[in-house]
Each structure stands twice: as C-alpha cells, then as structure tokens.
C-alpha cells in the first residue's frame, strides 16, 4: 500500500512540475521554466516529507 502511495505522489509531483514548466515556457515573463519546475517539485517533496513524520 505504501509503495502505491509513493508512486502516486511521485506521479503527482512530476505532473505538477510538467504543467508548471509548460505554463512558464508559454509565458516566459513569468520565470525560467526549469527553475520554476524544480521549485515546485522541491516544495511538494518537502510537504510530503514533513507530513510523513
């Protein structure tokens, strides 16, 4: 069960990062695409790590 939850969380993080990167790529004035995608992934991973303790 925990493995499936981990896989689901990973898929959501990848999806959210991809969406964010696509939006910032289409609107470059928002920010650098890769920087934003990495920032979103870091925030989501931090949230997951903090809630698991």
N, C-alpha and C. Protein backbone atom coordinates (compact mmCIF):
# COMPACT_ATOMS: atom_id res chain seq x y z
N UNK A 1 0.82 -1.20 0.00
CA UNK A 1 0.00 0.00 0.00
C UNK A 1 0.87 1.26 0.00
N UNK A 2 1.91 1.27 0.82
CA UNK A 2 2.77 2.45 0.90
C UNK A 2 3.54 2.66 -0.41
N UNK A 3 3.87 1.55 -1.09
CA UNK A 3 4.57 1.68 -2.37
C UNK A 3 3.68 2.36 -3.39
N UNK A 4 2.42 1.98 -3.42
CA UNK A 4 1.49 2.60 -4.36
C UNK A 4 1.28 4.08 -4.03
N UNK A 5 1.22 4.40 -2.76
CA UNK A 5 1.08 5.80 -2.35
C UNK A 5 2.32 6.61 -2.76
N UNK A 6 3.48 6.01 -2.61
CA UNK A 6 4.72 6.67 -3.03
C UNK A 6 4.76 6.90 -4.53
N UNK A 7 4.32 5.89 -5.29
CA UNK A 7 4.28 6.04 -6.75
C UNK A 7 3.27 7.11 -7.17
N UNK A 8 2.14 7.14 -6.52
CA UNK A 8 1.13 8.15 -6.82
C UNK A 8 1.66 9.55 -6.51
N UNK A 9 2.31 9.69 -5.37
CA UNK A 9 2.87 11.00 -5.00
C UNK A 9 3.93 11.43 -6.01
N UNK A 10 4.75 10.50 -6.47
CA UNK A 10 5.77 10.82 -7.46
C UNK A 10 5.14 11.25 -8.77
N UNK A 11 4.09 10.56 -9.18
CA UNK A 11 3.40 10.93 -10.42
C UNK A 11 2.76 12.30 -10.32
N UNK A 12 2.19 12.62 -9.19
CA UNK A 12 1.57 13.94 -9.00
C UNK A 12 2.63 15.03 -9.04
N UNK A 13 3.78 14.77 -8.43
CA UNK A 13 4.86 15.76 -8.43
C UNK A 13 5.36 15.99 -9.86
N UNK A 14 5.55 14.91 -10.59
CA UNK A 14 6.01 15.05 -11.98
C UNK A 14 4.97 15.79 -12.82
N UNK A 15 3.71 15.47 -12.63
CA UNK A 15 2.64 16.13 -13.38
C UNK A 15 2.58 17.62 -13.04
N UNK A 16 2.63 17.95 -11.77
CA UNK A 16 2.58 19.36 -11.36
C UNK A 16 3.79 20.13 -11.88
N UNK A 17 4.95 19.51 -11.85
CA UNK A 17 6.15 20.17 -12.36
C UNK A 17 6.07 20.38 -13.86
N UNK A 18 5.56 19.37 -14.56
CA UNK A 18 5.42 19.49 -16.01
C UNK A 18 4.44 20.57 -16.41
N UNK A 19 3.32 20.64 -15.72
CA UNK A 19 2.33 21.68 -16.01
C UNK A 19 2.91 23.05 -15.76
N UNK A 20 3.59 23.20 -14.65
CA UNK A 20 4.20 24.48 -14.31
C UNK A 20 5.26 24.87 -15.34
N UNK A 21 6.06 23.91 -15.75
CA UNK A 21 7.09 24.19 -16.75
C UNK A 21 6.46 24.58 -18.08
N UNK A 22 5.40 23.91 -18.48
CA UNK A 22 4.72 24.23 -19.73
C UNK A 22 4.15 25.66 -19.70
N UNK A 23 3.51 26.01 -18.60
CA UNK A 23 2.91 27.34 -18.49
C UNK A 23 3.98 28.42 -18.53
N UNK A 24 5.07 28.22 -17.80
CA UNK A 24 6.12 29.24 -17.80
C UNK A 24 6.87 29.26 -19.13
N UNK A 25 6.88 28.14 -19.85
CA UNK A 25 7.51 28.12 -21.18
C UNK A 25 6.67 28.92 -22.17
N UNK A 26 5.35 28.82 -22.05
CA UNK A 26 4.46 29.56 -22.94
C UNK A 26 4.43 31.05 -22.60
N UNK A 27 4.70 31.39 -21.35
CA UNK A 27 4.71 32.78 -20.89
C UNK A 27 6.04 33.05 -20.20
N UNK A 28 7.10 33.30 -20.98
CA UNK A 28 8.45 33.44 -20.41
C UNK A 28 8.59 34.58 -19.41
N UNK A 29 7.69 35.52 -19.44
CA UNK A 29 7.80 36.64 -18.50
C UNK A 29 7.57 36.18 -17.06
N UNK A 30 6.94 35.01 -16.88
CA UNK A 30 6.67 34.53 -15.53
C UNK A 30 7.94 34.12 -14.81
N UNK A 31 8.79 33.34 -15.47
CA UNK A 31 10.05 32.90 -14.87
C UNK A 31 10.74 31.92 -15.79
N UNK A 32 11.93 31.52 -15.40
CA UNK A 32 12.65 30.49 -16.16
C UNK A 32 11.93 29.15 -15.95
N UNK A 33 11.60 28.45 -17.02
CA UNK A 33 10.79 27.22 -16.89
C UNK A 33 11.39 26.15 -15.98
N UNK A 34 12.63 25.84 -16.14
CA UNK A 34 13.21 24.77 -15.32
C UNK A 34 13.33 25.16 -13.85
N UNK A 35 13.63 26.41 -13.59
CA UNK A 35 13.75 26.87 -12.21
C UNK A 35 12.42 26.74 -11.48
N UNK A 36 11.36 27.13 -12.14
CA UNK A 36 10.04 27.05 -11.53
C UNK A 36 9.63 25.60 -11.30
N UNK A 37 9.88 24.74 -12.29
CA UNK A 37 9.51 23.33 -12.15
C UNK A 37 10.27 22.67 -11.01
N UNK A 38 11.54 22.96 -10.88
CA UNK A 38 12.32 22.40 -9.79
C UNK A 38 11.85 22.96 -8.45
N UNK A 39 11.50 24.23 -8.42
CA UNK A 39 10.98 24.82 -7.17
C UNK A 39 9.67 24.19 -6.74
N UNK A 40 8.78 23.95 -7.67
CA UNK A 40 7.50 23.29 -7.35
C UNK A 40 7.75 21.89 -6.83
N UNK A 41 8.63 21.15 -7.48
CA UNK A 41 8.94 19.78 -7.04
C UNK A 41 9.55 19.79 -5.64
N UNK A 42 10.42 20.75 -5.37
CA UNK A 42 11.05 20.83 -4.05
C UNK A 42 10.03 21.14 -2.96
N UNK A 43 9.11 22.04 -3.24
CA UNK A 43 8.08 22.38 -2.26
C UNK A 43 7.17 21.18 -1.99
N UNK A 44 6.76 20.48 -3.06
CA UNK A 44 5.89 19.32 -2.87
C UNK A 44 6.61 18.20 -2.12
N UNK A 45 7.87 17.96 -2.45
CA UNK A 45 8.62 16.93 -1.75
C UNK A 45 8.82 17.29 -0.28
N UNK A 46 9.06 18.55 0.00
CA UNK A 46 9.20 18.99 1.39
C UNK A 46 7.90 18.80 2.14
N UNK A 47 6.80 19.13 1.51
CA UNK A 47 5.49 18.93 2.15
C UNK A 47 5.22 17.47 2.46
N UNK A 48 5.55 16.60 1.52
CA UNK A 48 5.36 15.17 1.75
C UNK A 48 6.26 14.68 2.87
N UNK A 49 7.52 15.12 2.86
CA UNK A 49 8.45 14.67 3.90
C UNK A 49 8.01 15.14 5.28
N UNK A 50 7.48 16.35 5.38
CA UNK A 50 7.07 16.87 6.68
C UNK A 50 5.79 16.21 7.19
N UNK A 51 4.91 15.82 6.29
CA UNK A 51 3.66 15.22 6.74
C UNK A 51 3.82 13.74 7.07
N UNK A 52 4.88 13.13 6.64
CA UNK A 52 5.09 11.70 6.91
C UNK A 52 5.69 11.47 8.28
N UNK A 53 6.19 12.49 8.95
CA UNK A 53 6.83 12.33 10.26
C UNK A 53 5.86 12.33 11.36
